[in-house]
C-alpha cells in the first residue's frame, strides 16, 4: 500500500513576472503546490474555486488591475479565516487585515519559507 502525502496549496499573487517565479519556486521547494496569478481579479476566481483548500496566500500590495493585494487579503480573510495570508510591500505604512502577516520588500527567501511553515500550523 502506498500512502501519498497531500501537499498544501499556496496562491501567489504578484504582477512582477520575476518575483512571481521566485516566490513560486521557493514555495515549491517547501513542498507546496502553487497556483500563481498576476492580478487580484484572477486570484478571486481561484478563491471561488479552491479557497477552502488553500493553506497560504501570498499577495503583493501593488498589483495591476483595479483591486489591490490588500483588498484581496481582506476578502480572503473574511471568506477563509483559517488561511494564512502574507502581504508583501516596500511600504511600511500598509494597513493589514486582522490575522495577516507582513513581509517588507526586499525580503529574504528564508522569511518566505518560514511563512510557508507557519501556514502548516493549526490556527489558534
PDB file of N, CA and C in Angstrom:
ATOM      1  N   UNK A   1       0.842  -1.171   0.000  1.00  0.00           N
ATOM      2  CA  UNK A   1       0.000   0.000   0.000  1.00  0.00           C
ATOM      3  C   UNK A   1       0.892   1.241   0.000  1.00  0.00           C
ATOM      4  N   UNK A   2       0.608   2.167  -0.897  1.00  0.00           N
ATOM      5  CA  UNK A   2       1.371   3.409  -0.984  1.00  0.00           C
ATOM      6  C   UNK A   2       0.548   4.535  -0.394  1.00  0.00           C
ATOM      7  N   UNK A   3       1.166   5.286   0.479  1.00  0.00           N
ATOM      8  CA  UNK A   3       0.500   6.436   1.069  1.00  0.00           C
ATOM      9  C   UNK A   3       1.069   7.681   0.401  1.00  0.00           C
ATOM     10  N   UNK A   4       0.187   8.475  -0.167  1.00  0.00           N
ATOM     11  CA  UNK A   4       0.606   9.694  -0.836  1.00  0.00           C
ATOM     12  C   UNK A   4       0.264  10.886   0.048  1.00  0.00           C
ATOM     13  N   UNK A   5       1.266  11.677   0.368  1.00  0.00           N
ATOM     14  CA  UNK A   5       1.035  12.862   1.196  1.00  0.00           C
ATOM     15  C   UNK A   5       0.363  13.935   0.355  1.00  0.00           C
ATOM     16  N   UNK A   6      -0.571  14.613   0.945  1.00  0.00           N
ATOM     17  CA  UNK A   6      -1.234  15.720   0.270  1.00  0.00           C
ATOM     18  C   UNK A   6      -0.422  16.981   0.512  1.00  0.00           C
ATOM     19  N   UNK A   7      -0.012  17.602  -0.566  1.00  0.00           N
ATOM     20  CA  UNK A   7       0.771  18.832  -0.459  1.00  0.00           C
ATOM     21  C   UNK A   7      -0.159  20.004  -0.230  1.00  0.00           C
ATOM     22  N   UNK A   8       0.173  20.882   0.716  1.00  0.00           N
ATOM     23  CA  UNK A   8      -0.638  22.082   0.917  1.00  0.00           C
ATOM     24  C   UNK A   8      -0.549  22.977  -0.323  1.00  0.00           C
ATOM     25  N   UNK A   9      -1.576  23.780  -0.530  1.00  0.00           N
ATOM     26  CA  UNK A   9      -1.653  24.629  -1.702  1.00  0.00           C
ATOM     27  C   UNK A   9      -1.497  26.092  -1.326  1.00  0.00           C
ATOM     28  N   UNK A  10      -0.681  26.795  -2.117  1.00  0.00           N
ATOM     29  CA  UNK A  10      -0.463  28.232  -1.936  1.00  0.00           C
ATOM     30  C   UNK A  10      -0.958  28.972  -3.169  1.00  0.00           C
ATOM     31  N   UNK A  11      -1.518  30.147  -2.938  1.00  0.00           N
ATOM     32  CA  UNK A  11      -1.900  31.059  -4.005  1.00  0.00           C
ATOM     33  C   UNK A  11      -0.927  32.226  -3.975  1.00  0.00           C
ATOM     34  N   UNK A  12      -0.219  32.446  -5.067  1.00  0.00           N
ATOM     35  CA  UNK A  12       0.747  33.536  -5.183  1.00  0.00           C
ATOM     36  C   UNK A  12       0.162  34.578  -6.124  1.00  0.00           C
ATOM     37  N   UNK A  13       0.068  35.828  -5.635  1.00  0.00           N
ATOM     38  CA  UNK A  13      -0.492  36.912  -6.437  1.00  0.00           C
ATOM     39  C   UNK A  13       0.554  38.019  -6.514  1.00  0.00           C
ATOM     40  N   UNK A  14       1.196  38.095  -7.652  1.00  0.00           N
ATOM     41  CA  UNK A  14       2.310  39.029  -7.864  1.00  0.00           C
ATOM     42  C   UNK A  14       2.323  39.405  -9.338  1.00  0.00           C
ATOM     43  N   UNK A  15       2.330  40.699  -9.647  1.00  0.00           N
ATOM     44  CA  UNK A  15       2.293  41.105 -11.055  1.00  0.00           C
ATOM     45  C   UNK A  15       3.666  41.175 -11.709  1.00  0.00           C
ATOM     46  N   UNK A  16       4.722  41.135 -10.940  1.00  0.00           N
ATOM     47  CA  UNK A  16       6.070  41.125 -11.498  1.00  0.00           C
ATOM     48  C   UNK A  16       6.449  39.669 -11.804  1.00  0.00           C
ATOM     49  N   UNK A  17       6.717  39.385 -13.083  1.00  0.00           N
ATOM     50  CA  UNK A  17       6.994  38.003 -13.515  1.00  0.00           C
ATOM     51  C   UNK A  17       8.149  37.361 -12.762  1.00  0.00           C
ATOM     52  N   UNK A  18       9.225  38.102 -12.577  1.00  0.00           N
ATOM     53  CA  UNK A  18      10.417  37.537 -11.916  1.00  0.00           C
ATOM     54  C   UNK A  18      10.127  37.229 -10.451  1.00  0.00           C
ATOM     55  N   UNK A  19       9.484  38.173  -9.757  1.00  0.00           N
ATOM     56  CA  UNK A  19       9.163  37.929  -8.351  1.00  0.00           C
ATOM     57  C   UNK A  19       8.158  36.794  -8.200  1.00  0.00           C
ATOM     58  N   UNK A  20       7.154  36.744  -9.081  1.00  0.00           N
ATOM     59  CA  UNK A  20       6.167  35.662  -9.020  1.00  0.00           C
ATOM     60  C   UNK A  20       6.848  34.310  -9.218  1.00  0.00           C
ATOM     61  N   UNK A  21       7.779  34.238 -10.157  1.00  0.00           N
ATOM     62  CA  UNK A  21       8.512  32.990 -10.390  1.00  0.00           C
ATOM     63  C   UNK A  21       9.363  32.607  -9.184  1.00  0.00           C
ATOM     64  N   UNK A  22      10.000  33.592  -8.565  1.00  0.00           N
ATOM     65  CA  UNK A  22      10.843  33.306  -7.407  1.00  0.00           C
ATOM     66  C   UNK A  22      10.008  32.816  -6.220  1.00  0.00           C
ATOM     67  N   UNK A  23       8.893  33.495  -5.949  1.00  0.00           N
ATOM     68  CA  UNK A  23       8.027  33.077  -4.848  1.00  0.00           C
ATOM     69  C   UNK A  23       7.496  31.668  -5.117  1.00  0.00           C
ATOM     70  N   UNK A  24       7.074  31.425  -6.345  1.00  0.00           N
ATOM     71  CA  UNK A  24       6.573  30.096  -6.715  1.00  0.00           C
ATOM     72  C   UNK A  24       7.645  29.033  -6.489  1.00  0.00           C
ATOM     73  N   UNK A  25       8.849  29.295  -6.956  1.00  0.00           N
ATOM     74  CA  UNK A  25       9.954  28.353  -6.786  1.00  0.00           C
ATOM     75  C   UNK A  25      10.206  28.056  -5.310  1.00  0.00           C
ATOM     76  N   UNK A  26      10.279  29.099  -4.488  1.00  0.00           N
ATOM     77  CA  UNK A  26      10.562  28.897  -3.057  1.00  0.00           C
ATOM     78  C   UNK A  26       9.465  28.084  -2.376  1.00  0.00           C
ATOM     79  N   UNK A  27       8.215  28.374  -2.701  1.00  0.00           N
ATOM     80  CA  UNK A  27       7.125  27.623  -2.079  1.00  0.00           C
ATOM     81  C   UNK A  27       7.092  26.175  -2.571  1.00  0.00           C
ATOM     82  N   UNK A  28       7.416  25.967  -3.829  1.00  0.00           N
ATOM     83  CA  UNK A  28       7.510  24.591  -4.316  1.00  0.00           C
ATOM     84  C   UNK A  28       8.640  23.842  -3.622  1.00  0.00           C
ATOM     85  N   UNK A  29       9.732  24.542  -3.311  1.00  0.00           N
ATOM     86  CA  UNK A  29      10.825  23.931  -2.545  1.00  0.00           C
ATOM     87  C   UNK A  29      10.380  23.573  -1.130  1.00  0.00           C
ATOM     88  N   UNK A  30       9.359  24.252  -0.642  1.00  0.00           N
ATOM     89  CA  UNK A  30       8.775  23.944   0.666  1.00  0.00           C
ATOM     90  C   UNK A  30       7.692  22.861   0.544  1.00  0.00           C
ATOM     91  N   UNK A  31       7.681  22.193  -0.599  1.00  0.00           N
ATOM     92  CA  UNK A  31       6.756  21.095  -0.875  1.00  0.00           C
ATOM     93  C   UNK A  31       5.300  21.534  -0.897  1.00  0.00           C
ATOM     94  N   UNK A  32       5.068  22.722  -1.471  1.00  0.00           N
ATOM     95  CA  UNK A  32       3.711  23.218  -1.639  1.00  0.00           C
ATOM     96  C   UNK A  32       3.339  23.186  -3.111  1.00  0.00           C
ATOM     97  N   UNK A  33       2.084  22.933  -3.361  1.00  0.00           N
ATOM     98  CA  UNK A  33       1.523  23.097  -4.699  1.00  0.00           C
ATOM     99  C   UNK A  33       1.215  24.591  -4.831  1.00  0.00           C
ATOM    100  N   UNK A  34       1.519  25.199  -5.978  1.00  0.00           N
ATOM    101  CA  UNK A  34       1.359  26.643  -6.127  1.00  0.00           C
ATOM    102  C   UNK A  34       0.453  26.969  -7.309  1.00  0.00           C
ATOM    103  N   UNK A  35      -0.488  27.861  -7.052  1.00  0.00           N
ATOM    104  CA  UNK A  35      -1.301  28.469  -8.095  1.00  0.00           C
ATOM    105  C   UNK A  35      -0.846  29.921  -8.161  1.00  0.00           C
ATOM    106  N   UNK A  36      -0.382  30.364  -9.306  1.00  0.00           N
ATOM    107  CA  UNK A  36       0.168  31.718  -9.437  1.00  0.00           C
ATOM    108  C   UNK A  36      -0.731  32.578 -10.322  1.00  0.00           C
ATOM    109  N   UNK A  37      -0.968  33.809  -9.875  1.00  0.00           N
ATOM    110  CA  UNK A  37      -1.777  34.771 -10.618  1.00  0.00           C
ATOM    111  C   UNK A  37      -1.027  36.097 -10.701  1.00  0.00           C
ATOM    112  N   UNK A  38      -1.330  36.868 -11.743  1.00  0.00           N
ATOM    113  CA  UNK A  38      -0.681  38.168 -11.875  1.00  0.00           C
ATOM    114  C   UNK A  38      -1.589  39.326 -11.493  1.00  0.00           C
ATOM    115  N   UNK A  39      -2.806  39.026 -11.036  1.00  0.00           N
ATOM    116  CA  UNK A  39      -3.718  40.096 -10.608  1.00  0.00           C
ATOM    117  C   UNK A  39      -4.643  39.585  -9.509  1.00  0.00           C
ATOM    118  N   UNK A  40      -5.173  40.521  -8.750  1.00  0.00           N
ATOM    119  CA  UNK A  40      -6.120  40.159  -7.697  1.00  0.00           C
ATOM    120  C   UNK A  40      -7.428  39.657  -8.302  1.00  0.00           C
ATOM    121  N   UNK A  41      -7.786  40.198  -9.462  1.00  0.00           N
ATOM    122  CA  UNK A  41      -9.011  39.751 -10.122  1.00  0.00           C
ATOM    123  C   UNK A  41      -8.915  38.274 -10.502  1.00  0.00           C
ATOM    124  N   UNK A  42      -7.777  37.862 -11.045  1.00  0.00           N
ATOM    125  CA  UNK A  42      -7.579  36.439 -11.367  1.00  0.00           C
ATOM    126  C   UNK A  42      -7.594  35.600 -10.093  1.00  0.00           C
ATOM    127  N   UNK A  43      -7.019  36.133  -9.026  1.00  0.00           N
ATOM    128  CA  UNK A  43      -6.953  35.400  -7.761  1.00  0.00           C
ATOM    129  C   UNK A  43      -8.333  35.210  -7.141  1.00  0.00           C
ATOM    130  N   UNK A  44      -9.254  36.157  -7.340  1.00  0.00           N
ATOM    131  CA  UNK A  44     -10.599  35.987  -6.778  1.00  0.00           C
ATOM    132  C   UNK A  44     -11.305  34.792  -7.421  1.00  0.00           C
ATOM    133  N   UNK A  45     -11.036  34.552  -8.695  1.00  0.00           N
ATOM    134  CA  UNK A  45     -11.608  33.372  -9.353  1.00  0.00           C
ATOM    135  C   UNK A  45     -11.051  32.092  -8.720  1.00  0.00           C
ATOM    136  N   UNK A  46      -9.764  32.100  -8.399  1.00  0.00           N
ATOM    137  CA  UNK A  46      -9.153  30.945  -7.727  1.00  0.00           C
ATOM    138  C   UNK A  46      -9.776  30.766  -6.344  1.00  0.00           C
ATOM    139  N   UNK A  47      -9.978  31.869  -5.627  1.00  0.00           N
ATOM    140  CA  UNK A  47     -10.599  31.785  -4.301  1.00  0.00           C
ATOM    141  C   UNK A  47     -11.979  31.139  -4.369  1.00  0.00           C
ATOM    142  N   UNK A  48     -12.756  31.503  -5.389  1.00  0.00           N
ATOM    143  CA  UNK A  48     -14.097  30.927  -5.527  1.00  0.00           C
ATOM    144  C   UNK A  48     -14.038  29.422  -5.743  1.00  0.00           C
ATOM    145  N   UNK A  49     -13.049  28.959  -6.497  1.00  0.00           N
ATOM    146  CA  UNK A  49     -12.938  27.538  -6.815  1.00  0.00           C
ATOM    147  C   UNK A  49     -12.212  26.723  -5.748  1.00  0.00           C
ATOM    148  N   UNK A  50     -11.141  27.288  -5.186  1.00  0.00           N
ATOM    149  CA  UNK A  50     -10.258  26.488  -4.320  1.00  0.00           C
ATOM    150  C   UNK A  50      -9.984  27.128  -2.976  1.00  0.00           C
ATOM    151  N   UNK A  51     -10.688  28.190  -2.628  1.00  0.00           N
ATOM    152  CA  UNK A  51     -10.391  28.939  -1.406  1.00  0.00           C
ATOM    153  C   UNK A  51     -10.295  28.103  -0.151  1.00  0.00           C
ATOM    154  N   UNK A  52     -11.198  27.172   0.015  1.00  0.00           N
ATOM    155  CA  UNK A  52     -11.186  26.340   1.209  1.00  0.00           C
ATOM    156  C   UNK A  52     -10.032  25.361   1.270  1.00  0.00           C
ATOM    157  N   UNK A  53      -9.389  25.131   0.140  1.00  0.00           N
ATOM    158  CA  UNK A  53      -8.261  24.195   0.080  1.00  0.00           C
ATOM    159  C   UNK A  53      -6.908  24.884   0.207  1.00  0.00           C
ATOM    160  N   UNK A  54      -6.899  26.208   0.259  1.00  0.00           N
ATOM    161  CA  UNK A  54      -5.631  26.935   0.318  1.00  0.00           C
ATOM    162  C   UNK A  54      -5.070  26.959   1.733  1.00  0.00           C
ATOM    163  N   UNK A  55      -3.758  26.795   1.830  1.00  0.00           N
ATOM    164  CA  UNK A  55      -3.065  26.907   3.115  1.00  0.00           C
ATOM    165  C   UNK A  55      -2.430  28.278   3.269  1.00  0.00           C
ATOM    166  N   UNK A  56      -2.025  28.870   2.132  1.00  0.00           N
ATOM    167  CA  UNK A  56      -1.267  30.118   2.152  1.00  0.00           C
ATOM    168  C   UNK A  56      -1.657  30.981   0.963  1.00  0.00           C
ATOM    169  N   UNK A  57      -1.794  32.272   1.224  1.00  0.00           N
ATOM    170  CA  UNK A  57      -1.952  33.253   0.156  1.00  0.00           C
ATOM    171  C   UNK A  57      -0.844  34.272   0.332  1.00  0.00           C
ATOM    172  N   UNK A  58      -0.044  34.452  -0.703  1.00  0.00           N
ATOM    173  CA  UNK A  58       0.993  35.479  -0.736  1.00  0.00           C
ATOM    174  C   UNK A  58       0.515  36.520  -1.742  1.00  0.00           C
ATOM    175  N   UNK A  59       0.362  37.775  -1.305  1.00  0.00           N
ATOM    176  CA  UNK A  59      -0.115  38.829  -2.201  1.00  0.00           C
ATOM    177  C   UNK A  59       0.745  40.072  -2.070  1.00  0.00           C
ATOM    178  N   UNK A  60       1.202  40.567  -3.198  1.00  0.00           N
ATOM    179  CA  UNK A  60       1.864  41.861  -3.244  1.00  0.00           C
ATOM    180  C   UNK A  60       0.780  42.926  -3.087  1.00  0.00           C
ATOM    181  N   UNK A  61       1.101  44.037  -2.450  1.00  0.00           N
ATOM    182  CA  UNK A  61       0.118  45.101  -2.258  1.00  0.00           C
ATOM    183  C   UNK A  61      -0.226  45.767  -3.581  1.00  0.00           C
ATOM    184  N   UNK A  62       0.792  46.164  -4.324  1.00  0.00           N
ATOM    185  CA  UNK A  62       0.581  46.908  -5.567  1.00  0.00           C
ATOM    186  C   UNK A  62       0.539  45.952  -6.749  1.00  0.00           C
ATOM    187  N   UNK A  63      -0.652  45.803  -7.308  1.00  0.00           N
ATOM    188  CA  UNK A  63      -0.872  44.897  -8.429  1.00  0.00           C
ATOM    189  C   UNK A  63      -1.491  45.674  -9.584  1.00  0.00           C
ATOM    190  N   UNK A  64      -1.316  45.158 -10.785  1.00  0.00           N
ATOM    191  CA  UNK A  64      -2.024  45.729 -11.917  1.00  0.00           C
ATOM    192  C   UNK A  64      -3.505  45.403 -11.771  1.00  0.00           C
ATOM    193  N   UNK A  65      -4.359  46.182 -12.353  1.00  0.00           N
ATOM    194  CA  UNK A  65      -5.797  45.941 -12.246  1.00  0.00           C
ATOM    195  C   UNK A  65      -6.441  46.886 -11.251  1.00  0.00           C
ATOM    196  N   UNK A  66      -7.708  46.666 -11.011  1.00  0.00           N
ATOM    197  CA  UNK A  66      -8.485  47.568 -10.153  1.00  0.00           C
ATOM    198  C   UNK A  66      -8.434  47.200  -8.678  1.00  0.00           C
ATOM    199  N   UNK A  67      -7.994  46.011  -8.361  1.00  0.00           N
ATOM    200  CA  UNK A  67      -8.015  45.527  -6.979  1.00  0.00           C
ATOM    201  C   UNK A  67      -6.586  45.381  -6.471  1.00  0.00           C
ATOM    202  N   UNK A  68      -6.346  45.855  -5.259  1.00  0.00           N
ATOM    203  CA  UNK A  68      -5.007  45.745  -4.669  1.00  0.00           C
ATOM    204  C   UNK A  68      -4.852  44.409  -3.940  1.00  0.00           C
ATOM    205  N   UNK A  69      -3.620  44.109  -3.605  1.00  0.00           N
ATOM    206  CA  UNK A  69      -3.349  42.918  -2.811  1.00  0.00           C
ATOM    207  C   UNK A  69      -3.955  42.999  -1.420  1.00  0.00           C
ATOM    208  N   UNK A  70      -4.054  44.214  -0.879  1.00  0.00           N
ATOM    209  CA  UNK A  70      -4.689  44.385   0.435  1.00  0.00           C
ATOM    210  C   UNK A  70      -6.177  44.068   0.373  1.00  0.00           C
ATOM    211  N   UNK A  71      -6.830  44.527  -0.676  1.00  0.00           N
ATOM    212  CA  UNK A  71      -8.255  44.218  -0.835  1.00  0.00           C
ATOM    213  C   UNK A  71      -8.457  42.711  -0.978  1.00  0.00           C
ATOM    214  N   UNK A  72      -7.586  42.081  -1.731  1.00  0.00           N
ATOM    215  CA  UNK A  72      -7.654  40.626  -1.877  1.00  0.00           C
ATOM    216  C   UNK A  72      -7.424  39.942  -0.531  1.00  0.00           C
ATOM    217  N   UNK A  73      -6.441  40.411   0.235  1.00  0.00           N
ATOM    218  CA  UNK A  73      -6.147  39.823   1.543  1.00  0.00           C
ATOM    219  C   UNK A  73      -7.347  39.961   2.477  1.00  0.00           C
ATOM    220  N   UNK A  74      -7.995  41.116   2.470  1.00  0.00           N
ATOM    221  CA  UNK A  74      -9.190  41.315   3.311  1.00  0.00           C
ATOM    222  C   UNK A  74     -10.308  40.354   2.901  1.00  0.00           C
ATOM    223  N   UNK A  75     -10.534  40.241   1.607  1.00  0.00           N
ATOM    224  CA  UNK A  75     -11.560  39.335   1.099  1.00  0.00           C
ATOM    225  C   UNK A  75     -11.256  37.894   1.504  1.00  0.00           C
ATOM    226  N   UNK A  76     -10.014  37.482   1.332  1.00  0.00           N
ATOM    227  CA  UNK A  76      -9.618  36.116   1.678  1.00  0.00           C
ATOM    228  C   UNK A  76      -9.794  35.850   3.170  1.00  0.00           C
ATOM    229  N   UNK A  77      -9.390  36.784   4.014  1.00  0.00           N
ATOM    230  CA  UNK A  77      -9.509  36.593   5.472  1.00  0.00           C
ATOM    231  C   UNK A  77     -10.977  36.535   5.889  1.00  0.00           C
ATOM    232  N   UNK A  78     -11.848  37.309   5.209  1.00  0.00           N
ATOM    233  CA  UNK A  78     -13.280  37.271   5.540  1.00  0.00           C
ATOM    234  C   UNK A  78     -13.901  35.935   5.154  1.00  0.00           C
ATOM    235  N   UNK A  79     -13.580  35.462   3.962  1.00  0.00           N
ATOM    236  CA  UNK A  79     -14.198  34.228   3.459  1.00  0.00           C
ATOM    237  C   UNK A  79     -13.561  32.964   4.022  1.00  0.00           C
ATOM    238  N   UNK A  80     -12.244  33.022   4.241  1.00  0.00           N
ATOM    239  CA  UNK A  80     -11.491  31.839   4.678  1.00  0.00           C
ATOM    240  C   UNK A  80     -10.584  32.213   5.850  1.00  0.00           C
ATOM    241  N   UNK A  81     -11.138  32.352   7.026  1.00  0.00           N
ATOM    242  CA  UNK A  81     -10.355  32.836   8.169  1.00  0.00           C
ATOM    243  C   UNK A  81      -9.196  31.931   8.585  1.00  0.00           C
ATOM    244  N   UNK A  82      -9.185  30.685   8.137  1.00  0.00           N
ATOM    245  CA  UNK A  82      -8.103  29.777   8.521  1.00  0.00           C
ATOM    246  C   UNK A  82      -6.905  29.810   7.582  1.00  0.00           C
ATOM    247  N   UNK A  83      -7.035  30.472   6.438  1.00  0.00           N
ATOM    248  CA  UNK A  83      -5.917  30.520   5.503  1.00  0.00           C
ATOM    249  C   UNK A  83      -4.866  31.513   6.015  1.00  0.00           C
ATOM    250  N   UNK A  84      -3.611  31.152   5.866  1.00  0.00           N
ATOM    251  CA  UNK A  84      -2.505  32.022   6.279  1.00  0.00           C
ATOM    252  C   UNK A  84      -2.245  33.027   5.154  1.00  0.00           C
ATOM    253  N   UNK A  85      -2.442  34.304   5.427  1.00  0.00           N
ATOM    254  CA  UNK A  85      -2.289  35.347   4.419  1.00  0.00           C
ATOM    255  C   UNK A  85      -1.025  36.143   4.702  1.00  0.00           C
ATOM    256  N   UNK A  86      -0.190  36.292   3.669  1.00  0.00           N
ATOM    257  CA  UNK A  86       1.032  37.077   3.753  1.00  0.00           C
ATOM    258  C   UNK A  86       0.933  38.199   2.727  1.00  0.00           C
ATOM    259  N   UNK A  87       1.094  39.433   3.200  1.00  0.00           N
ATOM    260  CA  UNK A  87       1.062  40.603   2.335  1.00  0.00           C
ATOM    261  C   UNK A  87       2.479  41.152   2.246  1.00  0.00           C
ATOM    262  N   UNK A  88       2.940  41.413   1.016  1.00  0.00           N
ATOM    263  CA  UNK A  88       4.297  41.922   0.798  1.00  0.00           C
ATOM    264  C   UNK A  88       4.233  43.321   0.198  1.00  0.00           C
ATOM    265  N   UNK A  89       5.124  44.185   0.703  1.00  0.00           N
ATOM    266  CA  UNK A  89       5.183  45.555   0.192  1.00  0.00           C
ATOM    267  C   UNK A  89       6.492  46.194   0.609  1.00  0.00           C
ATOM    268  N   UNK A  90       6.883  47.211  -0.126  1.00  0.00           N
ATOM    269  CA  UNK A  90       8.027  48.020   0.257  1.00  0.00           C
ATOM    270  C   UNK A  90       7.614  49.194   1.125  1.00  0.00           C
ATOM    271  N   UNK A  91       6.335  49.306   1.423  1.00  0.00           N
ATOM    272  CA  UNK A  91       5.775  50.410   2.196  1.00  0.00           C
ATOM    273  C   UNK A  91       5.398  49.934   3.599  1.00  0.00           C
ATOM    274  N   UNK A  92       6.043  50.495   4.599  1.00  0.00           N
ATOM    275  CA  UNK A  92       5.784  50.092   5.989  1.00  0.00           C
ATOM    276  C   UNK A  92       4.421  50.531   6.514  1.00  0.00           C
ATOM    277  N   UNK A  93       3.779  51.491   5.862  1.00  0.00           N
ATOM    278  CA  UNK A  93       2.513  52.019   6.376  1.00  0.00           C
ATOM    279  C   UNK A  93       1.307  51.201   5.915  1.00  0.00           C
ATOM    280  N   UNK A  94       1.524  50.032   5.406  1.00  0.00           N
ATOM    281  CA  UNK A  94       0.452  49.174   4.911  1.00  0.00           C
ATOM    282  C   UNK A  94      -0.470  48.761   6.053  1.00  0.00           C
ATOM    283  N   UNK A  95      -1.775  48.942   5.868  1.00  0.00           N
ATOM    284  CA  UNK A  95      -2.787  48.561   6.862  1.00  0.00           C
ATOM    285  C   UNK A  95      -3.255  47.136   6.574  1.00  0.00           C
ATOM    286  N   UNK A  96      -2.796  46.211   7.378  1.00  0.00           N
ATOM    287  CA  UNK A  96      -3.103  44.796   7.159  1.00  0.00           C
ATOM    288  C   UNK A  96      -4.479  44.428   7.687  1.00  0.00           C
ATOM    289  N   UNK A  97      -5.119  43.465   7.044  1.00  0.00           N
ATOM    290  CA  UNK A  97      -6.337  42.921   7.632  1.00  0.00           C
ATOM    291  C   UNK A  97      -5.972  42.103   8.867  1.00  0.00           C
ATOM    292  N   UNK A  98      -6.877  41.970   9.815  1.00  0.00           N
ATOM    293  CA  UNK A  98      -6.595  41.183  11.018  1.00  0.00           C
ATOM    294  C   UNK A  98      -6.137  39.768  10.667  1.00  0.00           C
ATOM    295  N   UNK A  99      -5.092  39.337  11.332  1.00  0.00           N
ATOM    296  CA  UNK A  99      -4.588  37.986  11.161  1.00  0.00           C
ATOM    297  C   UNK A  99      -3.612  37.802  10.015  1.00  0.00           C
ATOM    298  N   UNK A 100      -3.380  38.827   9.213  1.00  0.00           N
ATOM    299  CA  UNK A 100      -2.451  38.698   8.089  1.00  0.00           C
ATOM    300  C   UNK A 100      -1.027  39.003   8.554  1.00  0.00           C
ATOM    301  N   UNK A 101      -0.064  38.357   7.900  1.00  0.00           N
ATOM    302  CA  UNK A 101       1.356  38.608   8.173  1.00  0.00           C
ATOM    303  C   UNK A 101       1.877  39.597   7.134  1.00  0.00           C
ATOM    304  N   UNK A 102       2.958  40.293   7.479  1.00  0.00           N
ATOM    305  CA  UNK A 102       3.546  41.290   6.581  1.00  0.00           C
ATOM    306  C   UNK A 102       4.998  40.944   6.317  1.00  0.00           C
ATOM    307  N   UNK A 103       5.401  41.068   5.054  1.00  0.00           N
ATOM    308  CA  UNK A 103       6.805  40.893   4.679  1.00  0.00           C
ATOM    309  C   UNK A 103       7.246  42.163   3.948  1.00  0.00           C
ATOM    310  N   UNK A 104       8.236  42.838   4.516  1.00  0.00           N
ATOM    311  CA  UNK A 104       8.770  44.056   3.914  1.00  0.00           C
ATOM    312  C   UNK A 104       9.702  43.681   2.770  1.00  0.00           C
ATOM    313  N   UNK A 105       9.467  44.288   1.617  1.00  0.00           N
ATOM    314  CA  UNK A 105      10.352  44.071   0.462  1.00  0.00           C
ATOM    315  C   UNK A 105      11.554  44.988   0.571  1.00  0.00           C
ATOM    316  N   UNK A 106      12.719  44.555   0.217  1.00  0.00           N
ATOM    317  CA  UNK A 106      13.037  43.196  -0.230  1.00  0.00           C
ATOM    318  C   UNK A 106      13.144  42.266   0.979  1.00  0.00           C
ATOM    319  N   UNK A 107      12.515  41.131   0.885  1.00  0.00           N
ATOM    320  CA  UNK A 107      12.563  40.151   1.962  1.00  0.00           C
ATOM    321  C   UNK A 107      13.588  39.072   1.611  1.00  0.00           C
ATOM    322  N   UNK A 108      13.914  38.293   2.614  1.00  0.00           N
ATOM    323  CA  UNK A 108      14.872  37.198   2.420  1.00  0.00           C
ATOM    324  C   UNK A 108      14.111  35.905   2.131  1.00  0.00           C
ATOM    325  N   UNK A 109      14.658  35.048   1.284  1.00  0.00           N
ATOM    326  CA  UNK A 109      13.981  33.778   0.987  1.00  0.00           C
ATOM    327  C   UNK A 109      13.611  32.989   2.237  1.00  0.00           C
ATOM    328  N   UNK A 110      14.465  33.006   3.243  1.00  0.00           N
ATOM    329  CA  UNK A 110      14.175  32.272   4.468  1.00  0.00           C
ATOM    330  C   UNK A 110      12.904  32.802   5.142  1.00  0.00           C
ATOM    331  N   UNK A 111      12.636  34.106   5.031  1.00  0.00           N
ATOM    332  CA  UNK A 111      11.407  34.674   5.613  1.00  0.00           C
ATOM    333  C   UNK A 111      10.160  34.050   4.970  1.00  0.00           C
ATOM    334  N   UNK A 112      10.191  33.909   3.659  1.00  0.00           N
ATOM    335  CA  UNK A 112       9.053  33.301   2.968  1.00  0.00           C
ATOM    336  C   UNK A 112       8.924  31.829   3.351  1.00  0.00           C
ATOM    337  N   UNK A 113      10.022  31.152   3.462  1.00  0.00           N
ATOM    338  CA  UNK A 113       9.984  29.738   3.831  1.00  0.00           C
ATOM    339  C   UNK A 113       9.423  29.564   5.253  1.00  0.00           C
ATOM    340  N   UNK A 114       9.713  30.494   6.128  1.00  0.00           N
ATOM    341  CA  UNK A 114       9.143  30.444   7.486  1.00  0.00           C
ATOM    342  C   UNK A 114       7.633  30.649   7.445  1.00  0.00           C
ATOM    343  N   UNK A 115       7.178  31.574   6.589  1.00  0.00           N
ATOM    344  CA  UNK A 115       5.732  31.790   6.453  1.00  0.00           C
ATOM    345  C   UNK A 115       5.052  30.548   5.886  1.00  0.00           C
ATOM    346  N   UNK A 116       5.720  29.865   4.974  1.00  0.00           N
ATOM    347  CA  UNK A 116       5.178  28.614   4.439  1.00  0.00           C
ATOM    348  C   UNK A 116       5.016  27.588   5.561  1.00  0.00           C
ATOM    349  N   UNK A 117       6.001  27.524   6.432  1.00  0.00           N
ATOM    350  CA  UNK A 117       5.914  26.599   7.571  1.00  0.00           C
ATOM    351  C   UNK A 117       4.784  27.003   8.515  1.00  0.00           C
ATOM    352  N   UNK A 118       4.628  28.287   8.759  1.00  0.00           N
ATOM    353  CA  UNK A 118       3.526  28.763   9.620  1.00  0.00           C
ATOM    354  C   UNK A 118       2.168  28.400   9.036  1.00  0.00           C
ATOM    355  N   UNK A 119       2.075  28.377   7.703  1.00  0.00           N
ATOM    356  CA  UNK A 119       0.790  28.061   7.069  1.00  0.00           C
ATOM    357  C   UNK A 119       0.377  26.614   7.332  1.00  0.00           C
ATOM    358  N   UNK A 120       1.319  25.790   7.730  1.00  0.00           N
ATOM    359  CA  UNK A 120       1.028  24.373   8.015  1.00  0.00           C
ATOM    360  C   UNK A 120       0.590  24.164   9.464  1.00  0.00           C
ATOM    361  N   UNK A 121       0.768  25.187  10.305  1.00  0.00           N
ATOM    362  CA  UNK A 121       0.412  25.079  11.714  1.00  0.00           C
ATOM    363  C   UNK A 121      -1.065  25.342  11.900  1.00  0.00           C
ATOM    364  N   UNK A 122      -1.696  24.664  12.828  1.00  0.00           N
ATOM    365  CA  UNK A 122      -3.121  24.919  13.097  1.00  0.00           C
ATOM    366  C   UNK A 122      -3.313  26.350  13.575  1.00  0.00           C
ATOM    367  N   UNK A 123      -4.416  26.967  13.120  1.00  0.00           N
ATOM    368  CA  UNK A 123      -4.756  28.320  13.555  1.00  0.00           C
ATOM    369  C   UNK A 123      -5.291  28.255  14.983  1.00  0.00           C
ATOM    370  N   UNK A 124      -4.812  29.165  15.823  1.00  0.00           N
ATOM    371  CA  UNK A 124      -5.297  29.203  17.211  1.00  0.00           C
ATOM    372  C   UNK A 124      -6.258  30.334  17.416  1.00  0.00           C
TER     373      UNK A 124
END
